[in-house]
Amino acid sequence: MAKQTVEALIEGGKATAAPPLGPALGPLGVNIGQVVADINKKTASFKGMQVPVKVVVDSDTKEYSISVGTPPASALIKSEAKIEKGSGNPKMDKVADLKIEQVIKIAKMKEDSLLGKTTKEKVREIIGTCNSMGVMVEGKPAVETLKDIENGAFAKEIAEEKTELSAEELKELEEEKKRLEEEMKERREEFLAKANEIIGQMKGKERGQIKAKLVEAGIPTPIIDELLPEEEKKEGAAPQKEGEKPAESSKEEKK
């Protein structure tokens, strides 16, 4: 039996008969509306995320099967935490907080592509990703929560694969996110004031010297790059290291 495959990237729960799915499914003789409805049912939990979908159609019977991939763990974490992006400075700035139930939920959604064999190992992998994104888990930096899990914390929740949260817990997480946003904003203002003071004191100095002083003062790299943008290089010019004198123009080639 010949089979044909259609692959597409669609927004979870929002597939339509429009391109890319409709035109690709049309020649295969399947009920496009039914296929779209089935895809939306399977991807409803990925609302707001791009999801890889594969439709395999039997050319003779017109029967089809749908397999749905999962977005990266980072995308699932952002969705659960209701944030647009992770922290640019994860060691210092925390952008959100997740409950262990949410981490377990993500681990279950990604279980086929994670390396861990047990639910506990898979949960640890997701928490590792949280750490790199500046997302806390259970009110602590993710690395601390990893240690807690190794010491037996949340064993019951992990064993039972609990994924549901109460309305009160969801409200607490939203309030915590707002608090973290305020902290980040205040800390950024402090860094900006300190950086601008240093830049003012070193007016006329080379960029490399100023940057070194800012780094020494603990100013985060994104703020340094924002306040001290790289000088535009002339087209065709070789890259020049900070503090290095421009190379002399090459002599005219001998005739």
C-alpha atoms as a PDB file:
ATOM      1  CA  MET A   1       0.000   0.000   0.000  1.00  0.00           C
ATOM      2  CA  ALA A   2       1.449   3.334  -1.073  1.00  0.00           C
ATOM      3  CA  LYS A   3       1.543   6.041   1.544  1.00  0.00           C
ATOM      4  CA  GLN A   4       2.097   9.740   1.203  1.00  0.00           C
ATOM      5  CA  THR A   5       3.228  12.106   3.915  1.00  0.00           C
ATOM      6  CA  VAL A   6       2.434  15.752   4.508  1.00  0.00           C
ATOM      7  CA  GLU A   7       4.470  17.670   7.065  1.00  0.00           C
ATOM      8  CA  ALA A   8       3.716  21.180   8.289  1.00  0.00           C
ATOM      9  CA  LEU A   9       4.368  23.576  11.148  1.00  0.00           C
ATOM     10  CA  ILE A  10       1.124  24.948  12.576  1.00  0.00           C
ATOM     11  CA  GLU A  11       0.002  26.933  15.591  1.00  0.00           C
ATOM     12  CA  GLY A  12      -1.414  24.632  18.239  1.00  0.00           C
ATOM     13  CA  GLY A  13      -5.197  24.275  17.896  1.00  0.00           C
ATOM     14  CA  LYS A  14      -5.377  26.656  14.937  1.00  0.00           C
ATOM     15  CA  ALA A  15      -4.771  24.560  11.829  1.00  0.00           C
ATOM     16  CA  THR A  16      -6.874  25.565   8.811  1.00  0.00           C
ATOM     17  CA  ALA A  17      -7.484  24.370   5.264  1.00  0.00           C
ATOM     18  CA  ALA A  18      -5.394  27.293   4.043  1.00  0.00           C
ATOM     19  CA  PRO A  19      -1.712  26.817   3.115  1.00  0.00           C
ATOM     20  CA  PRO A  20       0.355  24.938   4.013  1.00  0.00           C
ATOM     21  CA  LEU A  21      -2.035  22.089   4.906  1.00  0.00           C
ATOM     22  CA  GLY A  22      -4.977  22.514   2.516  1.00  0.00           C
ATOM     23  CA  PRO A  23      -3.104  22.556  -0.823  1.00  0.00           C
ATOM     24  CA  ALA A  24      -0.880  19.664   0.292  1.00  0.00           C
ATOM     25  CA  LEU A  25      -3.792  17.466   1.456  1.00  0.00           C
ATOM     26  CA  GLY A  26      -6.125  18.262  -1.454  1.00  0.00           C
ATOM     27  CA  PRO A  27      -4.542  15.938  -4.069  1.00  0.00           C
ATOM     28  CA  LEU A  28      -4.529  13.023  -1.588  1.00  0.00           C
ATOM     29  CA  GLY A  29      -8.331  12.688  -1.615  1.00  0.00           C
ATOM     30  CA  VAL A  30      -8.896  12.925   2.161  1.00  0.00           C
ATOM     31  CA  ASN A  31     -11.568  14.925   3.970  1.00  0.00           C
ATOM     32  CA  ILE A  32      -9.512  18.057   4.622  1.00  0.00           C
ATOM     33  CA  GLY A  33     -11.985  19.471   7.138  1.00  0.00           C
ATOM     34  CA  GLN A  34     -11.869  16.283   9.201  1.00  0.00           C
ATOM     35  CA  VAL A  35      -8.066  16.124   9.094  1.00  0.00           C
ATOM     36  CA  VAL A  36      -7.831  19.752  10.230  1.00  0.00           C
ATOM     37  CA  ALA A  37     -10.299  19.105  13.057  1.00  0.00           C
ATOM     38  CA  ASP A  38      -8.308  16.079  14.212  1.00  0.00           C
ATOM     39  CA  ILE A  39      -5.064  18.066  14.125  1.00  0.00           C
ATOM     40  CA  ASN A  40      -6.598  20.852  16.189  1.00  0.00           C
ATOM     41  CA  LYS A  41      -7.857  18.345  18.744  1.00  0.00           C
ATOM     42  CA  LYS A  42      -4.403  16.798  19.069  1.00  0.00           C
ATOM     43  CA  THR A  43      -2.600  20.147  19.312  1.00  0.00           C
ATOM     44  CA  ALA A  44      -5.050  22.034  21.537  1.00  0.00           C
ATOM     45  CA  SER A  45      -2.666  21.882  24.514  1.00  0.00           C
ATOM     46  CA  PHE A  46       0.003  23.707  22.497  1.00  0.00           C
ATOM     47  CA  LYS A  47      -2.007  26.901  22.074  1.00  0.00           C
ATOM     48  CA  GLY A  48       0.177  29.842  21.038  1.00  0.00           C
ATOM     49  CA  MET A  49       3.096  27.599  20.020  1.00  0.00           C
ATOM     50  CA  GLN A  50       4.306  26.355  16.648  1.00  0.00           C
ATOM     51  CA  VAL A  51       3.961  22.572  16.465  1.00  0.00           C
ATOM     52  CA  PRO A  52       5.366  20.138  13.849  1.00  0.00           C
ATOM     53  CA  VAL A  53       2.613  17.907  12.460  1.00  0.00           C
ATOM     54  CA  LYS A  54       2.891  14.880  10.167  1.00  0.00           C
ATOM     55  CA  VAL A  55      -0.089  13.415   8.284  1.00  0.00           C
ATOM     56  CA  VAL A  56       0.424  10.007   6.658  1.00  0.00           C
ATOM     57  CA  VAL A  57      -2.235   9.060   4.092  1.00  0.00           C
ATOM     58  CA  ASP A  58      -2.880   5.622   2.583  1.00  0.00           C
ATOM     59  CA  SER A  59      -3.280   6.294  -1.152  1.00  0.00           C
ATOM     60  CA  ASP A  60      -5.671   3.344  -1.615  1.00  0.00           C
ATOM     61  CA  THR A  61      -7.996   3.511   1.387  1.00  0.00           C
ATOM     62  CA  LYS A  62      -7.599   7.256   2.105  1.00  0.00           C
ATOM     63  CA  GLU A  63      -7.158   6.401   5.753  1.00  0.00           C
ATOM     64  CA  TYR A  64      -4.742   8.673   7.575  1.00  0.00           C
ATOM     65  CA  SER A  65      -2.776   8.947  10.781  1.00  0.00           C
ATOM     66  CA  ILE A  66      -1.594  12.100  12.505  1.00  0.00           C
ATOM     67  CA  SER A  67       1.553  12.395  14.582  1.00  0.00           C
ATOM     68  CA  VAL A  68       2.337  15.559  16.487  1.00  0.00           C
ATOM     69  CA  GLY A  69       5.803  16.628  17.510  1.00  0.00           C
ATOM     70  CA  THR A  70       6.360  18.862  20.512  1.00  0.00           C
ATOM     71  CA  PRO A  71       7.848  22.339  20.669  1.00  0.00           C
ATOM     72  CA  PRO A  72      11.248  22.749  22.365  1.00  0.00           C
ATOM     73  CA  ALA A  73      11.234  22.522  26.169  1.00  0.00           C
ATOM     74  CA  SER A  74      12.048  26.232  26.311  1.00  0.00           C
ATOM     75  CA  ALA A  75       8.851  27.055  24.399  1.00  0.00           C
ATOM     76  CA  LEU A  76       6.773  24.913  26.756  1.00  0.00           C
ATOM     77  CA  ILE A  77       8.388  26.585  29.764  1.00  0.00           C
ATOM     78  CA  LYS A  78       7.610  30.039  28.363  1.00  0.00           C
ATOM     79  CA  SER A  79       4.029  28.985  27.748  1.00  0.00           C
ATOM     80  CA  GLU A  80       3.572  27.644  31.302  1.00  0.00           C
ATOM     81  CA  ALA A  81       5.289  30.668  32.839  1.00  0.00           C
ATOM     82  CA  LYS A  82       3.382  33.066  30.563  1.00  0.00           C
ATOM     83  CA  ILE A  83       6.517  34.910  29.482  1.00  0.00           C
ATOM     84  CA  GLU A  84       7.703  35.958  26.023  1.00  0.00           C
ATOM     85  CA  LYS A  85      11.372  35.165  26.557  1.00  0.00           C
ATOM     86  CA  GLY A  86      13.843  33.899  29.106  1.00  0.00           C
ATOM     87  CA  SER A  87      16.250  36.041  31.091  1.00  0.00           C
ATOM     88  CA  GLY A  88      19.178  37.700  29.346  1.00  0.00           C
ATOM     89  CA  ASN A  89      21.121  37.327  32.593  1.00  0.00           C
ATOM     90  CA  PRO A  90      19.752  34.111  34.171  1.00  0.00           C
ATOM     91  CA  LYS A  91      22.191  34.007  37.087  1.00  0.00           C
ATOM     92  CA  MET A  92      20.973  37.354  38.364  1.00  0.00           C
ATOM     93  CA  ASP A  93      17.573  38.116  36.807  1.00  0.00           C
ATOM     94  CA  LYS A  94      14.708  35.691  37.377  1.00  0.00           C
ATOM     95  CA  VAL A  95      11.730  36.207  35.070  1.00  0.00           C
ATOM     96  CA  ALA A  96       9.152  33.762  36.449  1.00  0.00           C
ATOM     97  CA  ASP A  97       8.441  30.923  38.850  1.00  0.00           C
ATOM     98  CA  LEU A  98       6.979  27.468  38.163  1.00  0.00           C
ATOM     99  CA  LYS A  99       5.430  24.899  40.483  1.00  0.00           C
ATOM    100  CA  ILE A 100       6.727  21.334  40.393  1.00  0.00           C
ATOM    101  CA  GLU A 101       3.390  20.245  38.869  1.00  0.00           C
ATOM    102  CA  GLN A 102       4.038  22.467  35.859  1.00  0.00           C
ATOM    103  CA  VAL A 103       7.521  21.035  35.443  1.00  0.00           C
ATOM    104  CA  ILE A 104       6.095  17.500  35.590  1.00  0.00           C
ATOM    105  CA  LYS A 105       3.507  18.485  32.956  1.00  0.00           C
ATOM    106  CA  ILE A 106       6.249  19.724  30.600  1.00  0.00           C
ATOM    107  CA  ALA A 107       8.338  16.618  31.254  1.00  0.00           C
ATOM    108  CA  LYS A 108       5.375  14.412  30.294  1.00  0.00           C
ATOM    109  CA  MET A 109       4.756  16.426  27.123  1.00  0.00           C
ATOM    110  CA  LYS A 110       8.418  15.995  26.141  1.00  0.00           C
ATOM    111  CA  GLU A 111       8.937  12.488  27.517  1.00  0.00           C
ATOM    112  CA  ASP A 112       9.650  10.870  24.143  1.00  0.00           C
ATOM    113  CA  SER A 113      12.507  13.263  23.373  1.00  0.00           C
ATOM    114  CA  LEU A 114      14.142  13.523  26.803  1.00  0.00           C
ATOM    115  CA  LEU A 115      17.177  11.452  27.764  1.00  0.00           C
ATOM    116  CA  GLY A 116      15.999  10.501  31.249  1.00  0.00           C
ATOM    117  CA  LYS A 117      14.477   7.057  31.800  1.00  0.00           C
ATOM    118  CA  THR A 118      12.397   7.894  34.875  1.00  0.00           C
ATOM    119  CA  THR A 119       9.963  10.728  35.508  1.00  0.00           C
ATOM    120  CA  LYS A 120      12.361  12.102  38.112  1.00  0.00           C
ATOM    121  CA  GLU A 121      15.236  12.214  35.606  1.00  0.00           C
ATOM    122  CA  LYS A 122      13.026  13.899  33.012  1.00  0.00           C
ATOM    123  CA  VAL A 123      11.849  16.466  35.554  1.00  0.00           C
ATOM    124  CA  ARG A 124      15.487  17.235  36.346  1.00  0.00           C
ATOM    125  CA  GLU A 125      16.173  17.855  32.645  1.00  0.00           C
ATOM    126  CA  ILE A 126      13.326  20.369  32.412  1.00  0.00           C
ATOM    127  CA  ILE A 127      14.494  22.117  35.579  1.00  0.00           C
ATOM    128  CA  GLY A 128      17.949  22.370  33.992  1.00  0.00           C
ATOM    129  CA  THR A 129      16.391  24.234  31.069  1.00  0.00           C
ATOM    130  CA  CYS A 130      14.515  26.467  33.532  1.00  0.00           C
ATOM    131  CA  ASN A 131      17.839  27.333  35.124  1.00  0.00           C
ATOM    132  CA  SER A 132      19.344  28.472  31.802  1.00  0.00           C
ATOM    133  CA  MET A 133      16.273  30.668  31.183  1.00  0.00           C
ATOM    134  CA  GLY A 134      16.194  32.386  34.565  1.00  0.00           C
ATOM    135  CA  VAL A 135      12.967  30.628  35.562  1.00  0.00           C
ATOM    136  CA  MET A 136      12.690  29.612  39.208  1.00  0.00           C
ATOM    137  CA  VAL A 137      11.012  26.424  40.413  1.00  0.00           C
ATOM    138  CA  GLU A 138       9.017  26.350  43.657  1.00  0.00           C
ATOM    139  CA  GLY A 139      10.178  29.828  44.649  1.00  0.00           C
ATOM    140  CA  LYS A 140      13.888  29.025  44.391  1.00  0.00           C
ATOM    141  CA  PRO A 141      16.622  29.281  41.737  1.00  0.00           C
ATOM    142  CA  ALA A 142      16.307  26.106  39.665  1.00  0.00           C
ATOM    143  CA  VAL A 143      19.731  24.787  40.744  1.00  0.00           C
ATOM    144  CA  GLU A 144      18.592  24.819  44.367  1.00  0.00           C
ATOM    145  CA  THR A 145      15.390  22.971  43.496  1.00  0.00           C
ATOM    146  CA  LEU A 146      17.468  20.305  41.741  1.00  0.00           C
ATOM    147  CA  LYS A 147      19.344  19.747  45.009  1.00  0.00           C
ATOM    148  CA  ASP A 148      16.047  19.546  46.899  1.00  0.00           C
ATOM    149  CA  ILE A 149      14.786  16.857  44.521  1.00  0.00           C
ATOM    150  CA  GLU A 150      17.954  14.828  45.013  1.00  0.00           C
ATOM    151  CA  ASN A 151      17.304  15.044  48.749  1.00  0.00           C
ATOM    152  CA  GLY A 152      13.799  13.620  48.323  1.00  0.00           C
ATOM    153  CA  ALA A 153      11.667  16.733  47.917  1.00  0.00           C
ATOM    154  CA  PHE A 154       8.526  16.450  45.755  1.00  0.00           C
ATOM    155  CA  ALA A 155       8.877  12.648  45.618  1.00  0.00           C
ATOM    156  CA  LYS A 156       5.112  12.180  46.020  1.00  0.00           C
ATOM    157  CA  GLU A 157       4.183  14.668  43.274  1.00  0.00           C
ATOM    158  CA  ILE A 158       6.724  13.145  40.867  1.00  0.00           C
ATOM    159  CA  ALA A 159       5.683   9.553  41.626  1.00  0.00           C
ATOM    160  CA  GLU A 160       2.010  10.395  41.082  1.00  0.00           C
ATOM    161  CA  GLU A 161       2.890  12.578  38.049  1.00  0.00           C
ATOM    162  CA  LYS A 162       0.722  15.364  39.395  1.00  0.00           C
ATOM    163  CA  THR A 163       0.178  18.143  36.839  1.00  0.00           C
ATOM    164  CA  GLU A 164      -2.828  20.139  38.053  1.00  0.00           C
ATOM    165  CA  LEU A 165      -2.709  23.438  39.976  1.00  0.00           C
ATOM    166  CA  SER A 166      -5.422  25.146  41.981  1.00  0.00           C
ATOM    167  CA  ALA A 167      -6.730  28.603  41.066  1.00  0.00           C
ATOM    168  CA  GLU A 168      -5.045  29.943  44.203  1.00  0.00           C
ATOM    169  CA  GLU A 169      -1.666  28.528  43.177  1.00  0.00           C
ATOM    170  CA  LEU A 170      -1.988  30.026  39.698  1.00  0.00           C
ATOM    171  CA  LYS A 171      -2.796  33.401  41.256  1.00  0.00           C
ATOM    172  CA  GLU A 172       0.282  33.157  43.490  1.00  0.00           C
ATOM    173  CA  LEU A 173       2.472  32.474  40.461  1.00  0.00           C
ATOM    174  CA  GLU A 174       1.094  35.507  38.623  1.00  0.00           C
ATOM    175  CA  GLU A 175       1.780  37.735  41.632  1.00  0.00           C
ATOM    176  CA  GLU A 176       5.278  36.310  41.935  1.00  0.00           C
ATOM    177  CA  LYS A 177       5.971  37.046  38.261  1.00  0.00           C
ATOM    178  CA  LYS A 178       4.924  40.681  38.736  1.00  0.00           C
ATOM    179  CA  ARG A 179       7.199  40.971  41.764  1.00  0.00           C
ATOM    180  CA  LEU A 180      10.141  39.566  39.788  1.00  0.00           C
ATOM    181  CA  GLU A 181       9.466  41.997  36.947  1.00  0.00           C
ATOM    182  CA  GLU A 182       9.598  44.914  39.381  1.00  0.00           C
ATOM    183  CA  GLU A 183      12.844  43.639  40.876  1.00  0.00           C
ATOM    184  CA  MET A 184      14.409  43.322  37.412  1.00  0.00           C
ATOM    185  CA  LYS A 185      13.286  46.822  36.495  1.00  0.00           C
ATOM    186  CA  GLU A 186      14.756  48.319  39.679  1.00  0.00           C
ATOM    187  CA  ARG A 187      18.015  46.406  39.250  1.00  0.00           C
ATOM    188  CA  ARG A 188      18.304  47.536  35.619  1.00  0.00           C
ATOM    189  CA  GLU A 189      17.858  51.182  36.649  1.00  0.00           C
ATOM    190  CA  GLU A 190      20.594  50.775  39.261  1.00  0.00           C
ATOM    191  CA  PHE A 191      22.978  49.249  36.717  1.00  0.00           C
ATOM    192  CA  LEU A 192      22.203  51.970  34.149  1.00  0.00           C
ATOM    193  CA  ALA A 193      22.878  54.745  36.665  1.00  0.00           C
ATOM    194  CA  LYS A 194      26.141  53.136  37.756  1.00  0.00           C
ATOM    195  CA  ALA A 195      27.255  52.481  34.170  1.00  0.00           C
ATOM    196  CA  ASN A 196      26.470  56.000  32.980  1.00  0.00           C
ATOM    197  CA  GLU A 197      28.411  57.413  35.922  1.00  0.00           C
ATOM    198  CA  ILE A 198      31.486  55.358  34.961  1.00  0.00           C
ATOM    199  CA  ILE A 199      31.154  56.294  31.278  1.00  0.00           C
ATOM    200  CA  GLY A 200      30.919  59.983  32.253  1.00  0.00           C
ATOM    201  CA  GLN A 201      34.019  59.746  34.431  1.00  0.00           C
ATOM    202  CA  MET A 202      35.978  58.068  31.616  1.00  0.00           C
ATOM    203  CA  LYS A 203      34.872  60.398  28.845  1.00  0.00           C
ATOM    204  CA  GLY A 204      37.490  60.512  26.098  1.00  0.00           C
ATOM    205  CA  LYS A 205      38.953  57.096  26.961  1.00  0.00           C
ATOM    206  CA  GLU A 206      39.031  54.215  24.488  1.00  0.00           C
ATOM    207  CA  ARG A 207      35.991  51.950  24.337  1.00  0.00           C
ATOM    208  CA  GLY A 208      38.039  48.962  25.484  1.00  0.00           C
ATOM    209  CA  GLN A 209      39.158  50.748  28.644  1.00  0.00           C
ATOM    210  CA  ILE A 210      35.632  51.870  29.470  1.00  0.00           C
ATOM    211  CA  LYS A 211      34.247  48.392  28.853  1.00  0.00           C
ATOM    212  CA  ALA A 212      36.870  46.826  31.117  1.00  0.00           C
ATOM    213  CA  LYS A 213      35.888  49.221  33.898  1.00  0.00           C
ATOM    214  CA  LEU A 214      32.187  48.417  33.442  1.00  0.00           C
ATOM    215  CA  VAL A 215      32.877  44.685  33.567  1.00  0.00           C
ATOM    216  CA  GLU A 216      34.966  45.199  36.714  1.00  0.00           C
ATOM    217  CA  ALA A 217      32.023  47.075  38.249  1.00  0.00           C
ATOM    218  CA  GLY A 218      29.719  44.095  37.572  1.00  0.00           C
ATOM    219  CA  ILE A 219      27.595  45.718  34.864  1.00  0.00           C
ATOM    220  CA  PRO A 220      25.773  42.978  32.852  1.00  0.00           C
ATOM    221  CA  THR A 221      26.976  42.451  29.279  1.00  0.00           C
ATOM    222  CA  PRO A 222      23.593  43.340  27.627  1.00  0.00           C
ATOM    223  CA  ILE A 223      23.664  46.775  29.313  1.00  0.00           C
ATOM    224  CA  ILE A 224      27.308  47.331  28.350  1.00  0.00           C
ATOM    225  CA  ASP A 225      26.516  46.504  24.709  1.00  0.00           C
ATOM    226  CA  GLU A 226      23.513  48.822  24.861  1.00  0.00           C
ATOM    227  CA  LEU A 227      25.503  51.782  26.197  1.00  0.00           C
ATOM    228  CA  LEU A 228      28.709  51.084  24.253  1.00  0.00           C
ATOM    229  CA  PRO A 229      27.657  49.883  20.803  1.00  0.00           C
ATOM    230  CA  GLU A 230      30.370  48.456  18.578  1.00  0.00           C
ATOM    231  CA  GLU A 231      31.766  50.938  16.080  1.00  0.00           C
ATOM    232  CA  GLU A 232      30.626  50.243  12.547  1.00  0.00           C
ATOM    233  CA  LYS A 233      33.399  48.744  10.453  1.00  0.00           C
ATOM    234  CA  LYS A 234      34.073  49.934   6.956  1.00  0.00           C
ATOM    235  CA  GLU A 235      32.953  47.572   4.228  1.00  0.00           C
ATOM    236  CA  GLY A 236      35.750  45.196   3.295  1.00  0.00           C
ATOM    237  CA  ALA A 237      37.834  46.098   6.339  1.00  0.00           C
ATOM    238  CA  ALA A 238      39.299  43.311   8.425  1.00  0.00           C
ATOM    239  CA  PRO A 239      37.951  42.901  11.974  1.00  0.00           C
ATOM    240  CA  GLN A 240      39.832  45.056  14.452  1.00  0.00           C
ATOM    241  CA  LYS A 241      40.394  44.117  18.084  1.00  0.00           C
ATOM    242  CA  GLU A 242      39.625  46.617  20.839  1.00  0.00           C
ATOM    243  CA  GLY A 243      42.629  48.839  21.544  1.00  0.00           C
ATOM    244  CA  GLU A 244      44.335  47.811  18.310  1.00  0.00           C
ATOM    245  CA  LYS A 245      45.448  50.567  15.952  1.00  0.00           C
ATOM    246  CA  PRO A 246      43.959  50.544  12.458  1.00  0.00           C
ATOM    247  CA  ALA A 247      46.200  48.837   9.926  1.00  0.00           C
ATOM    248  CA  GLU A 248      47.985  51.116   7.463  1.00  0.00           C
ATOM    249  CA  SER A 249      46.672  51.214   3.935  1.00  0.00           C
ATOM    250  CA  SER A 250      48.449  48.745   1.659  1.00  0.00           C
ATOM    251  CA  LYS A 251      50.938  50.221  -0.729  1.00  0.00           C
ATOM    252  CA  GLU A 252      50.072  50.460  -4.369  1.00  0.00           C
ATOM    253  CA  GLU A 253      50.918  47.264  -6.131  1.00  0.00           C
ATOM    254  CA  LYS A 254      53.941  47.421  -8.311  1.00  0.00           C
ATOM    255  CA  LYS A 255      53.188  47.637 -11.931  1.00  0.00           C
END
